[in-house]
């Protein structure tokens, strides 16, 4: 009898696809919260501009409690000095850096002291759920080289606005607005009173689950484009294009970001012939091994570094 029962057929309504498309329509009253204006290229920078170094580096962080920790950093390697010749001149140097960190959900204090006399300090304080105050300062023994800056960040429902003030009569403001669920656009203005320079810029960012595309142009002559393709959860490919129509300088680069189970490998090659690779290998819990390499064929400058990070 079972064989005599006709198969059950499912009829799909003709307007099912229309209903699905209607459900996918953007809700412009509930747009996503955008990222800060200065971080619109952050995915591309992670792949194309890793923190390369030359020589030896050792970083140790000791947590005293859940909020307070101390850090020690030792670095040994050559440092480039300015020169009028095309050849790169380096002198051997070494530094020790002591740091103190206080991290709380609403307050972050970070301080660094170096043996050469420099003092770096950072503060991030969430006054309310919408208003955050940030401060950066660097004090040094060299005359006219110390600087400081305050940043006021206001977070709206689907926009973000910032106001900056720094020494040397430096003022800046930026605004970034979500236009669609995937597109954000905004602009910035700044005034450097000490150097009598001002500028205005515009930027846009388009982001999906698989890609991020950004574009930025400023009156200072800078044009910056970047694109990141998320091949998988572990692999990302990135490219960028930098052009200055004042100096006619052009630079393009392509890179990758590969995250494995025990390590992370990043690298790039640009139009100037500079090749970079950066490897972070996790040897054990709280112990990482770092390899850094950079080859600049045009300048005949070759850099290699390795280090350990504990804590």
C-alpha atoms as a PDB file:
ATOM      1  CA  UNK A   1       0.000   0.000   0.000  1.00  0.00           C
ATOM      2  CA  UNK A   2       2.886   2.340   0.702  1.00  0.00           C
ATOM      3  CA  UNK A   3       3.930   2.144  -2.899  1.00  0.00           C
ATOM      4  CA  UNK A   4       0.481   3.256  -4.032  1.00  0.00           C
ATOM      5  CA  UNK A   5       0.578   6.491  -2.054  1.00  0.00           C
ATOM      6  CA  UNK A   6       1.590   9.349  -4.368  1.00  0.00           C
ATOM      7  CA  UNK A   7       4.649  11.317  -3.320  1.00  0.00           C
ATOM      8  CA  UNK A   8       4.020  14.524  -1.429  1.00  0.00           C
ATOM      9  CA  UNK A   9       4.994  17.618  -3.407  1.00  0.00           C
ATOM     10  CA  UNK A  10       5.771  20.938  -1.828  1.00  0.00           C
ATOM     11  CA  UNK A  11       4.501  23.943  -3.693  1.00  0.00           C
ATOM     12  CA  UNK A  12       6.587  27.090  -3.370  1.00  0.00           C
ATOM     13  CA  UNK A  13       4.496  30.246  -3.574  1.00  0.00           C
ATOM     14  CA  UNK A  14       5.308  32.460  -6.479  1.00  0.00           C
ATOM     15  CA  UNK A  15       5.887  35.421  -4.201  1.00  0.00           C
ATOM     16  CA  UNK A  16       8.271  33.563  -1.839  1.00  0.00           C
ATOM     17  CA  UNK A  17      11.345  35.160  -3.370  1.00  0.00           C
ATOM     18  CA  UNK A  18       9.710  38.564  -3.124  1.00  0.00           C
ATOM     19  CA  UNK A  19       8.935  37.962   0.545  1.00  0.00           C
ATOM     20  CA  UNK A  20      12.548  36.935   1.182  1.00  0.00           C
ATOM     21  CA  UNK A  21      13.851  40.058  -0.503  1.00  0.00           C
ATOM     22  CA  UNK A  22      11.434  42.180   1.491  1.00  0.00           C
ATOM     23  CA  UNK A  23      12.763  40.638   4.711  1.00  0.00           C
ATOM     24  CA  UNK A  24      16.308  41.510   3.646  1.00  0.00           C
ATOM     25  CA  UNK A  25      15.519  45.190   3.110  1.00  0.00           C
ATOM     26  CA  UNK A  26      17.711  47.498   5.113  1.00  0.00           C
ATOM     27  CA  UNK A  27      16.296  49.026   8.265  1.00  0.00           C
ATOM     28  CA  UNK A  28      17.678  52.568   8.002  1.00  0.00           C
ATOM     29  CA  UNK A  29      16.385  53.392  11.471  1.00  0.00           C
ATOM     30  CA  UNK A  30      18.694  50.785  13.038  1.00  0.00           C
ATOM     31  CA  UNK A  31      22.007  51.121  11.220  1.00  0.00           C
ATOM     32  CA  UNK A  32      25.197  49.612  12.720  1.00  0.00           C
ATOM     33  CA  UNK A  33      27.594  51.637  14.825  1.00  0.00           C
ATOM     34  CA  UNK A  34      30.651  52.728  12.752  1.00  0.00           C
ATOM     35  CA  UNK A  35      34.302  52.426  13.723  1.00  0.00           C
ATOM     36  CA  UNK A  36      36.462  55.503  14.497  1.00  0.00           C
ATOM     37  CA  UNK A  37      37.455  57.649  11.528  1.00  0.00           C
ATOM     38  CA  UNK A  38      41.182  57.093  12.065  1.00  0.00           C
ATOM     39  CA  UNK A  39      40.718  53.281  12.021  1.00  0.00           C
ATOM     40  CA  UNK A  40      38.935  52.866   8.693  1.00  0.00           C
ATOM     41  CA  UNK A  41      42.001  51.089   7.210  1.00  0.00           C
ATOM     42  CA  UNK A  42      42.666  48.863  10.238  1.00  0.00           C
ATOM     43  CA  UNK A  43      42.098  45.483   8.503  1.00  0.00           C
ATOM     44  CA  UNK A  44      44.513  46.408   5.721  1.00  0.00           C
ATOM     45  CA  UNK A  45      47.077  47.798   8.176  1.00  0.00           C
ATOM     46  CA  UNK A  46      47.044  44.555  10.175  1.00  0.00           C
ATOM     47  CA  UNK A  47      48.268  42.656   7.103  1.00  0.00           C
ATOM     48  CA  UNK A  48      50.349  45.284   5.304  1.00  0.00           C
ATOM     49  CA  UNK A  49      52.044  47.106   8.205  1.00  0.00           C
ATOM     50  CA  UNK A  50      53.068  44.688  10.953  1.00  0.00           C
ATOM     51  CA  UNK A  51      55.321  46.040  13.707  1.00  0.00           C
ATOM     52  CA  UNK A  52      58.631  44.928  12.201  1.00  0.00           C
ATOM     53  CA  UNK A  53      61.918  45.446  14.036  1.00  0.00           C
ATOM     54  CA  UNK A  54      65.617  44.674  13.726  1.00  0.00           C
ATOM     55  CA  UNK A  55      67.807  42.905  16.245  1.00  0.00           C
ATOM     56  CA  UNK A  56      66.667  41.351  19.520  1.00  0.00           C
ATOM     57  CA  UNK A  57      63.529  42.118  21.514  1.00  0.00           C
ATOM     58  CA  UNK A  58      62.317  40.641  24.800  1.00  0.00           C
ATOM     59  CA  UNK A  59      59.004  41.605  26.429  1.00  0.00           C
ATOM     60  CA  UNK A  60      57.846  40.429  29.833  1.00  0.00           C
ATOM     61  CA  UNK A  61      54.498  41.278  31.450  1.00  0.00           C
ATOM     62  CA  UNK A  62      53.660  40.404  35.047  1.00  0.00           C
ATOM     63  CA  UNK A  63      50.080  40.714  36.256  1.00  0.00           C
ATOM     64  CA  UNK A  64      49.843  41.751  39.920  1.00  0.00           C
ATOM     65  CA  UNK A  65      46.050  41.497  40.020  1.00  0.00           C
ATOM     66  CA  UNK A  66      43.130  41.542  37.602  1.00  0.00           C
ATOM     67  CA  UNK A  67      43.552  45.249  36.838  1.00  0.00           C
ATOM     68  CA  UNK A  68      47.197  46.156  37.444  1.00  0.00           C
ATOM     69  CA  UNK A  69      50.283  44.789  35.669  1.00  0.00           C
ATOM     70  CA  UNK A  70      53.940  45.680  35.128  1.00  0.00           C
ATOM     71  CA  UNK A  71      55.914  45.233  31.918  1.00  0.00           C
ATOM     72  CA  UNK A  72      59.618  45.076  31.054  1.00  0.00           C
ATOM     73  CA  UNK A  73      61.017  45.353  27.551  1.00  0.00           C
ATOM     74  CA  UNK A  74      64.604  45.035  26.320  1.00  0.00           C
ATOM     75  CA  UNK A  75      65.629  45.732  22.726  1.00  0.00           C
ATOM     76  CA  UNK A  76      69.035  45.584  21.065  1.00  0.00           C
ATOM     77  CA  UNK A  77      69.668  46.448  17.455  1.00  0.00           C
ATOM     78  CA  UNK A  78      70.862  49.094  15.005  1.00  0.00           C
ATOM     79  CA  UNK A  79      69.104  52.439  14.585  1.00  0.00           C
ATOM     80  CA  UNK A  80      69.041  54.431  11.374  1.00  0.00           C
ATOM     81  CA  UNK A  81      70.361  57.984  11.522  1.00  0.00           C
ATOM     82  CA  UNK A  82      69.506  60.742   9.024  1.00  0.00           C
ATOM     83  CA  UNK A  83      71.941  61.032   6.155  1.00  0.00           C
ATOM     84  CA  UNK A  84      72.117  62.989   2.897  1.00  0.00           C
ATOM     85  CA  UNK A  85      73.644  60.065   1.049  1.00  0.00           C
ATOM     86  CA  UNK A  86      71.579  57.287  -0.519  1.00  0.00           C
ATOM     87  CA  UNK A  87      73.316  54.701   1.664  1.00  0.00           C
ATOM     88  CA  UNK A  88      71.609  53.787   4.934  1.00  0.00           C
ATOM     89  CA  UNK A  89      73.728  54.523   8.020  1.00  0.00           C
ATOM     90  CA  UNK A  90      73.053  52.573  11.226  1.00  0.00           C
ATOM     91  CA  UNK A  91      74.513  52.705  14.719  1.00  0.00           C
ATOM     92  CA  UNK A  92      74.136  49.990  17.392  1.00  0.00           C
ATOM     93  CA  UNK A  93      71.753  50.891  20.220  1.00  0.00           C
ATOM     94  CA  UNK A  94      70.017  49.227  23.158  1.00  0.00           C
ATOM     95  CA  UNK A  95      67.014  50.262  25.224  1.00  0.00           C
ATOM     96  CA  UNK A  96      65.215  49.172  28.364  1.00  0.00           C
ATOM     97  CA  UNK A  97      61.585  50.128  28.886  1.00  0.00           C
ATOM     98  CA  UNK A  98      59.591  49.878  32.100  1.00  0.00           C
ATOM     99  CA  UNK A  99      55.809  50.071  31.982  1.00  0.00           C
ATOM    100  CA  UNK A 100      52.836  50.122  34.312  1.00  0.00           C
ATOM    101  CA  UNK A 101      49.315  49.292  33.175  1.00  0.00           C
ATOM    102  CA  UNK A 102      45.963  49.776  34.862  1.00  0.00           C
ATOM    103  CA  UNK A 103      43.041  48.362  32.879  1.00  0.00           C
ATOM    104  CA  UNK A 104      39.463  48.709  34.090  1.00  0.00           C
ATOM    105  CA  UNK A 105      36.226  48.458  32.055  1.00  0.00           C
ATOM    106  CA  UNK A 106      35.836  52.255  32.260  1.00  0.00           C
ATOM    107  CA  UNK A 107      39.415  53.449  32.773  1.00  0.00           C
ATOM    108  CA  UNK A 108      42.726  52.523  31.156  1.00  0.00           C
ATOM    109  CA  UNK A 109      46.092  53.993  32.242  1.00  0.00           C
ATOM    110  CA  UNK A 110      49.318  53.015  30.461  1.00  0.00           C
ATOM    111  CA  UNK A 111      52.764  54.450  31.178  1.00  0.00           C
ATOM    112  CA  UNK A 112      56.203  53.744  29.708  1.00  0.00           C
ATOM    113  CA  UNK A 113      59.652  55.005  30.760  1.00  0.00           C
ATOM    114  CA  UNK A 114      62.740  54.443  28.587  1.00  0.00           C
ATOM    115  CA  UNK A 115      66.406  54.654  29.459  1.00  0.00           C
ATOM    116  CA  UNK A 116      66.939  57.453  26.928  1.00  0.00           C
ATOM    117  CA  UNK A 117      64.721  59.745  28.990  1.00  0.00           C
ATOM    118  CA  UNK A 118      61.440  59.439  27.125  1.00  0.00           C
ATOM    119  CA  UNK A 119      58.154  59.112  29.005  1.00  0.00           C
ATOM    120  CA  UNK A 120      55.002  57.926  27.234  1.00  0.00           C
ATOM    121  CA  UNK A 121      51.546  58.007  28.793  1.00  0.00           C
ATOM    122  CA  UNK A 122      48.090  57.019  27.562  1.00  0.00           C
ATOM    123  CA  UNK A 123      44.702  57.491  29.206  1.00  0.00           C
ATOM    124  CA  UNK A 124      41.278  56.262  28.119  1.00  0.00           C
ATOM    125  CA  UNK A 125      38.310  57.154  30.315  1.00  0.00           C
ATOM    126  CA  UNK A 126      34.679  56.342  29.550  1.00  0.00           C
ATOM    127  CA  UNK A 127      32.818  59.216  31.183  1.00  0.00           C
ATOM    128  CA  UNK A 128      29.431  57.908  30.005  1.00  0.00           C
ATOM    129  CA  UNK A 129      28.191  55.210  27.648  1.00  0.00           C
ATOM    130  CA  UNK A 130      28.454  57.727  24.801  1.00  0.00           C
ATOM    131  CA  UNK A 131      31.406  59.963  25.711  1.00  0.00           C
ATOM    132  CA  UNK A 132      35.047  58.807  25.953  1.00  0.00           C
ATOM    133  CA  UNK A 133      38.106  60.919  26.684  1.00  0.00           C
ATOM    134  CA  UNK A 134      41.524  59.839  25.409  1.00  0.00           C
ATOM    135  CA  UNK A 135      44.880  61.456  26.117  1.00  0.00           C
ATOM    136  CA  UNK A 136      48.361  60.739  24.742  1.00  0.00           C
ATOM    137  CA  UNK A 137      51.578  62.400  25.829  1.00  0.00           C
ATOM    138  CA  UNK A 138      55.306  61.993  25.235  1.00  0.00           C
ATOM    139  CA  UNK A 139      57.920  63.848  27.274  1.00  0.00           C
ATOM    140  CA  UNK A 140      61.560  63.901  26.166  1.00  0.00           C
ATOM    141  CA  UNK A 141      64.803  65.683  26.974  1.00  0.00           C
ATOM    142  CA  UNK A 142      65.084  67.063  23.448  1.00  0.00           C
ATOM    143  CA  UNK A 143      63.799  70.640  23.151  1.00  0.00           C
ATOM    144  CA  UNK A 144      60.492  71.151  21.324  1.00  0.00           C
ATOM    145  CA  UNK A 145      60.001  67.375  20.877  1.00  0.00           C
ATOM    146  CA  UNK A 146      57.524  66.773  23.717  1.00  0.00           C
ATOM    147  CA  UNK A 147      53.891  66.651  22.691  1.00  0.00           C
ATOM    148  CA  UNK A 148      50.448  65.845  24.032  1.00  0.00           C
ATOM    149  CA  UNK A 149      46.947  65.427  22.661  1.00  0.00           C
ATOM    150  CA  UNK A 150      43.394  65.100  23.990  1.00  0.00           C
ATOM    151  CA  UNK A 151      40.653  63.310  22.072  1.00  0.00           C
ATOM    152  CA  UNK A 152      36.923  63.537  22.859  1.00  0.00           C
ATOM    153  CA  UNK A 153      34.950  60.693  21.260  1.00  0.00           C
ATOM    154  CA  UNK A 154      31.138  60.861  21.181  1.00  0.00           C
ATOM    155  CA  UNK A 155      29.255  57.730  20.121  1.00  0.00           C
ATOM    156  CA  UNK A 156      25.795  58.191  18.666  1.00  0.00           C
ATOM    157  CA  UNK A 157      23.306  55.555  17.622  1.00  0.00           C
ATOM    158  CA  UNK A 158      24.668  55.189  14.092  1.00  0.00           C
ATOM    159  CA  UNK A 159      27.415  57.827  13.972  1.00  0.00           C
ATOM    160  CA  UNK A 160      30.648  58.791  15.685  1.00  0.00           C
ATOM    161  CA  UNK A 161      32.153  62.245  16.159  1.00  0.00           C
ATOM    162  CA  UNK A 162      35.559  63.196  17.542  1.00  0.00           C
ATOM    163  CA  UNK A 163      37.302  66.398  18.552  1.00  0.00           C
ATOM    164  CA  UNK A 164      41.082  66.636  19.056  1.00  0.00           C
ATOM    165  CA  UNK A 165      43.259  69.283  20.640  1.00  0.00           C
ATOM    166  CA  UNK A 166      47.030  69.157  21.018  1.00  0.00           C
ATOM    167  CA  UNK A 167      50.056  71.300  21.716  1.00  0.00           C
ATOM    168  CA  UNK A 168      51.308  73.547  18.955  1.00  0.00           C
ATOM    169  CA  UNK A 169      47.753  74.907  18.456  1.00  0.00           C
ATOM    170  CA  UNK A 170      46.622  71.658  16.834  1.00  0.00           C
ATOM    171  CA  UNK A 171      42.859  71.251  16.427  1.00  0.00           C
ATOM    172  CA  UNK A 172      40.960  68.540  14.607  1.00  0.00           C
ATOM    173  CA  UNK A 173      37.446  67.181  14.240  1.00  0.00           C
ATOM    174  CA  UNK A 174      35.962  64.181  12.440  1.00  0.00           C
ATOM    175  CA  UNK A 175      32.525  62.688  11.826  1.00  0.00           C
ATOM    176  CA  UNK A 176      31.649  59.200  10.571  1.00  0.00           C
ATOM    177  CA  UNK A 177      28.089  58.141   9.714  1.00  0.00           C
ATOM    178  CA  UNK A 178      26.571  54.780   8.741  1.00  0.00           C
ATOM    179  CA  UNK A 179      24.669  55.384   5.498  1.00  0.00           C
ATOM    180  CA  UNK A 180      23.533  51.797   4.854  1.00  0.00           C
ATOM    181  CA  UNK A 181      24.090  48.535   6.775  1.00  0.00           C
ATOM    182  CA  UNK A 182      27.369  48.115   4.862  1.00  0.00           C
ATOM    183  CA  UNK A 183      28.456  51.641   3.892  1.00  0.00           C
ATOM    184  CA  UNK A 184      29.852  54.359   6.172  1.00  0.00           C
ATOM    185  CA  UNK A 185      30.987  57.824   5.115  1.00  0.00           C
ATOM    186  CA  UNK A 186      32.464  60.846   6.842  1.00  0.00           C
ATOM    187  CA  UNK A 187      35.017  63.615   6.873  1.00  0.00           C
ATOM    188  CA  UNK A 188      37.614  65.414   8.949  1.00  0.00           C
ATOM    189  CA  UNK A 189      39.152  68.887   9.308  1.00  0.00           C
ATOM    190  CA  UNK A 190      42.307  70.002  11.087  1.00  0.00           C
ATOM    191  CA  UNK A 191      44.296  73.148  11.825  1.00  0.00           C
ATOM    192  CA  UNK A 192      47.972  73.187  12.850  1.00  0.00           C
ATOM    193  CA  UNK A 193      48.530  76.705  14.150  1.00  0.00           C
ATOM    194  CA  UNK A 194      52.250  76.271  14.759  1.00  0.00           C
ATOM    195  CA  UNK A 195      52.929  75.373  11.128  1.00  0.00           C
ATOM    196  CA  UNK A 196      50.065  77.463   9.709  1.00  0.00           C
ATOM    197  CA  UNK A 197      48.555  74.488   7.873  1.00  0.00           C
ATOM    198  CA  UNK A 198      44.992  73.336   7.533  1.00  0.00           C
ATOM    199  CA  UNK A 199      43.263  70.541   5.700  1.00  0.00           C
ATOM    200  CA  UNK A 200      40.026  68.741   5.030  1.00  0.00           C
ATOM    201  CA  UNK A 201      39.427  65.126   4.080  1.00  0.00           C
ATOM    202  CA  UNK A 202      36.686  62.697   3.145  1.00  0.00           C
ATOM    203  CA  UNK A 203      36.484  58.925   3.534  1.00  0.00           C
ATOM    204  CA  UNK A 204      34.198  55.994   2.863  1.00  0.00           C
ATOM    205  CA  UNK A 205      34.166  52.385   4.026  1.00  0.00           C
ATOM    206  CA  UNK A 206      32.189  49.439   2.618  1.00  0.00           C
ATOM    207  CA  UNK A 207      32.202  46.274   4.716  1.00  0.00           C
ATOM    208  CA  UNK A 208      30.582  42.831   4.408  1.00  0.00           C
ATOM    209  CA  UNK A 209      31.305  39.442   5.929  1.00  0.00           C
ATOM    210  CA  UNK A 210      33.765  38.682   3.113  1.00  0.00           C
ATOM    211  CA  UNK A 211      35.430  41.978   2.230  1.00  0.00           C
ATOM    212  CA  UNK A 212      36.314  45.498   3.360  1.00  0.00           C
ATOM    213  CA  UNK A 213      36.934  48.346   0.901  1.00  0.00           C
ATOM    214  CA  UNK A 214      37.972  51.856   1.977  1.00  0.00           C
ATOM    215  CA  UNK A 215      38.824  55.109   0.260  1.00  0.00           C
ATOM    216  CA  UNK A 216      40.201  58.371   1.620  1.00  0.00           C
ATOM    217  CA  UNK A 217      41.166  61.684   0.033  1.00  0.00           C
ATOM    218  CA  UNK A 218      42.486  64.866   1.663  1.00  0.00           C
ATOM    219  CA  UNK A 219      43.330  68.395   0.597  1.00  0.00           C
ATOM    220  CA  UNK A 220      46.942  67.778   1.661  1.00  0.00           C
ATOM    221  CA  UNK A 221      47.343  65.738  -1.532  1.00  0.00           C
ATOM    222  CA  UNK A 222      46.840  62.264  -0.093  1.00  0.00           C
ATOM    223  CA  UNK A 223      44.727  59.610  -1.783  1.00  0.00           C
ATOM    224  CA  UNK A 224      44.516  56.245   0.014  1.00  0.00           C
ATOM    225  CA  UNK A 225      42.643  53.138  -1.149  1.00  0.00           C
ATOM    226  CA  UNK A 226      42.597  49.714   0.490  1.00  0.00           C
ATOM    227  CA  UNK A 227      40.845  46.400  -0.051  1.00  0.00           C
ATOM    228  CA  UNK A 228      40.756  43.286   2.145  1.00  0.00           C
ATOM    229  CA  UNK A 229      39.310  39.974   0.978  1.00  0.00           C
ATOM    230  CA  UNK A 230      38.449  37.482   3.725  1.00  0.00           C
ATOM    231  CA  UNK A 231      39.116  34.184   1.951  1.00  0.00           C
ATOM    232  CA  UNK A 232      38.244  32.168   5.054  1.00  0.00           C
ATOM    233  CA  UNK A 233      38.248  32.509   8.825  1.00  0.00           C
ATOM    234  CA  UNK A 234      42.030  31.994   8.784  1.00  0.00           C
ATOM    235  CA  UNK A 235      43.184  33.660   5.568  1.00  0.00           C
ATOM    236  CA  UNK A 236      42.869  37.295   4.478  1.00  0.00           C
ATOM    237  CA  UNK A 237      44.364  39.002   1.435  1.00  0.00           C
ATOM    238  CA  UNK A 238      44.940  42.769   1.400  1.00  0.00           C
ATOM    239  CA  UNK A 239      46.069  45.480  -0.992  1.00  0.00           C
ATOM    240  CA  UNK A 240      46.440  49.251  -0.797  1.00  0.00           C
ATOM    241  CA  UNK A 241      47.277  52.198  -3.019  1.00  0.00           C
ATOM    242  CA  UNK A 242      48.805  55.465  -1.784  1.00  0.00           C
ATOM    243  CA  UNK A 243      49.163  58.529  -3.993  1.00  0.00           C
ATOM    244  CA  UNK A 244      50.217  62.076  -3.195  1.00  0.00           C
ATOM    245  CA  UNK A 245      49.347  64.438  -6.023  1.00  0.00           C
ATOM    246  CA  UNK A 246      51.507  67.181  -4.496  1.00  0.00           C
ATOM    247  CA  UNK A 247      54.781  65.230  -4.488  1.00  0.00           C
ATOM    248  CA  UNK A 248      53.681  62.717  -7.161  1.00  0.00           C
ATOM    249  CA  UNK A 249      54.682  59.786  -4.934  1.00  0.00           C
ATOM    250  CA  UNK A 250      52.895  56.509  -5.672  1.00  0.00           C
ATOM    251  CA  UNK A 251      53.053  53.287  -3.638  1.00  0.00           C
ATOM    252  CA  UNK A 252      51.042  50.099  -4.008  1.00  0.00           C
ATOM    253  CA  UNK A 253      51.339  46.917  -1.972  1.00  0.00           C
ATOM    254  CA  UNK A 254      49.748  43.504  -1.590  1.00  0.00           C
ATOM    255  CA  UNK A 255      49.858  41.293   1.488  1.00  0.00           C
ATOM    256  CA  UNK A 256      48.368  38.389   3.394  1.00  0.00           C
ATOM    257  CA  UNK A 257      47.355  37.428   6.919  1.00  0.00           C
ATOM    258  CA  UNK A 258      47.371  33.685   7.696  1.00  0.00           C
ATOM    259  CA  UNK A 259      46.227  32.488  11.137  1.00  0.00           C
ATOM    260  CA  UNK A 260      47.130  28.896  12.021  1.00  0.00           C
ATOM    261  CA  UNK A 261      46.463  26.923  15.179  1.00  0.00           C
ATOM    262  CA  UNK A 262      49.785  27.837  16.808  1.00  0.00           C
ATOM    263  CA  UNK A 263      51.019  30.823  14.816  1.00  0.00           C
ATOM    264  CA  UNK A 264      50.116  33.863  12.772  1.00  0.00           C
ATOM    265  CA  UNK A 265      51.993  34.801   9.590  1.00  0.00           C
ATOM    266  CA  UNK A 266      51.743  38.208   7.908  1.00  0.00           C
ATOM    267  CA  UNK A 267      53.631  39.632   4.964  1.00  0.00           C
ATOM    268  CA  UNK A 268      53.598  42.078   2.067  1.00  0.00           C
ATOM    269  CA  UNK A 269      55.457  43.284  -1.002  1.00  0.00           C
ATOM    270  CA  UNK A 270      55.176  46.814  -2.378  1.00  0.00           C
ATOM    271  CA  UNK A 271      55.945  48.623  -5.614  1.00  0.00           C
ATOM    272  CA  UNK A 272      59.260  49.932  -4.223  1.00  0.00           C
ATOM    273  CA  UNK A 273      60.652  46.406  -4.003  1.00  0.00           C
ATOM    274  CA  UNK A 274      60.301  46.126  -0.229  1.00  0.00           C
ATOM    275  CA  UNK A 275      59.301  42.678   1.067  1.00  0.00           C
ATOM    276  CA  UNK A 276      58.200  42.096   4.660  1.00  0.00           C
ATOM    277  CA  UNK A 277      57.350  38.995   6.693  1.00  0.00           C
ATOM    278  CA  UNK A 278      56.270  38.774  10.335  1.00  0.00           C
ATOM    279  CA  UNK A 279      55.724  35.514  12.242  1.00  0.00           C
ATOM    280  CA  UNK A 280      54.222  35.084  15.717  1.00  0.00           C
ATOM    281  CA  UNK A 281      54.547  31.531  17.048  1.00  0.00           C
ATOM    282  CA  UNK A 282      52.910  30.445  20.301  1.00  0.00           C
ATOM    283  CA  UNK A 283      55.331  28.064  21.992  1.00  0.00           C
ATOM    284  CA  UNK A 284      53.343  27.654  25.208  1.00  0.00           C
ATOM    285  CA  UNK A 285      50.652  29.377  27.199  1.00  0.00           C
ATOM    286  CA  UNK A 286      51.919  32.936  27.728  1.00  0.00           C
ATOM    287  CA  UNK A 287      55.101  32.390  25.668  1.00  0.00           C
ATOM    288  CA  UNK A 288      55.382  33.639  22.070  1.00  0.00           C
ATOM    289  CA  UNK A 289      58.304  33.595  19.648  1.00  0.00           C
ATOM    290  CA  UNK A 290      58.546  36.397  17.048  1.00  0.00           C
ATOM    291  CA  UNK A 291      60.436  36.534  13.760  1.00  0.00           C
ATOM    292  CA  UNK A 292      60.635  39.736  11.702  1.00  0.00           C
ATOM    293  CA  UNK A 293      62.248  40.236   8.293  1.00  0.00           C
ATOM    294  CA  UNK A 294      62.303  43.121   5.822  1.00  0.00           C
ATOM    295  CA  UNK A 295      64.215  43.373   2.545  1.00  0.00           C
ATOM    296  CA  UNK A 296      64.381  46.688   0.705  1.00  0.00           C
ATOM    297  CA  UNK A 297      66.158  46.080  -2.613  1.00  0.00           C
ATOM    298  CA  UNK A 298      65.931  49.714  -3.697  1.00  0.00           C
ATOM    299  CA  UNK A 299      67.737  51.072  -0.615  1.00  0.00           C
ATOM    300  CA  UNK A 300      69.824  47.909  -0.174  1.00  0.00           C
ATOM    301  CA  UNK A 301      68.582  47.748   3.398  1.00  0.00           C
ATOM    302  CA  UNK A 302      68.043  44.365   5.011  1.00  0.00           C
ATOM    303  CA  UNK A 303      66.524  43.886   8.462  1.00  0.00           C
ATOM    304  CA  UNK A 304      66.091  40.763  10.550  1.00  0.00           C
ATOM    305  CA  UNK A 305      64.869  40.464  14.114  1.00  0.00           C
ATOM    306  CA  UNK A 306      63.703  37.870  16.599  1.00  0.00           C
ATOM    307  CA  UNK A 307      62.173  38.133  20.031  1.00  0.00           C
ATOM    308  CA  UNK A 308      60.248  36.548  22.878  1.00  0.00           C
ATOM    309  CA  UNK A 309      57.054  37.710  24.559  1.00  0.00           C
ATOM    310  CA  UNK A 310      56.274  36.360  28.025  1.00  0.00           C
ATOM    311  CA  UNK A 311      53.026  37.020  29.833  1.00  0.00           C
END
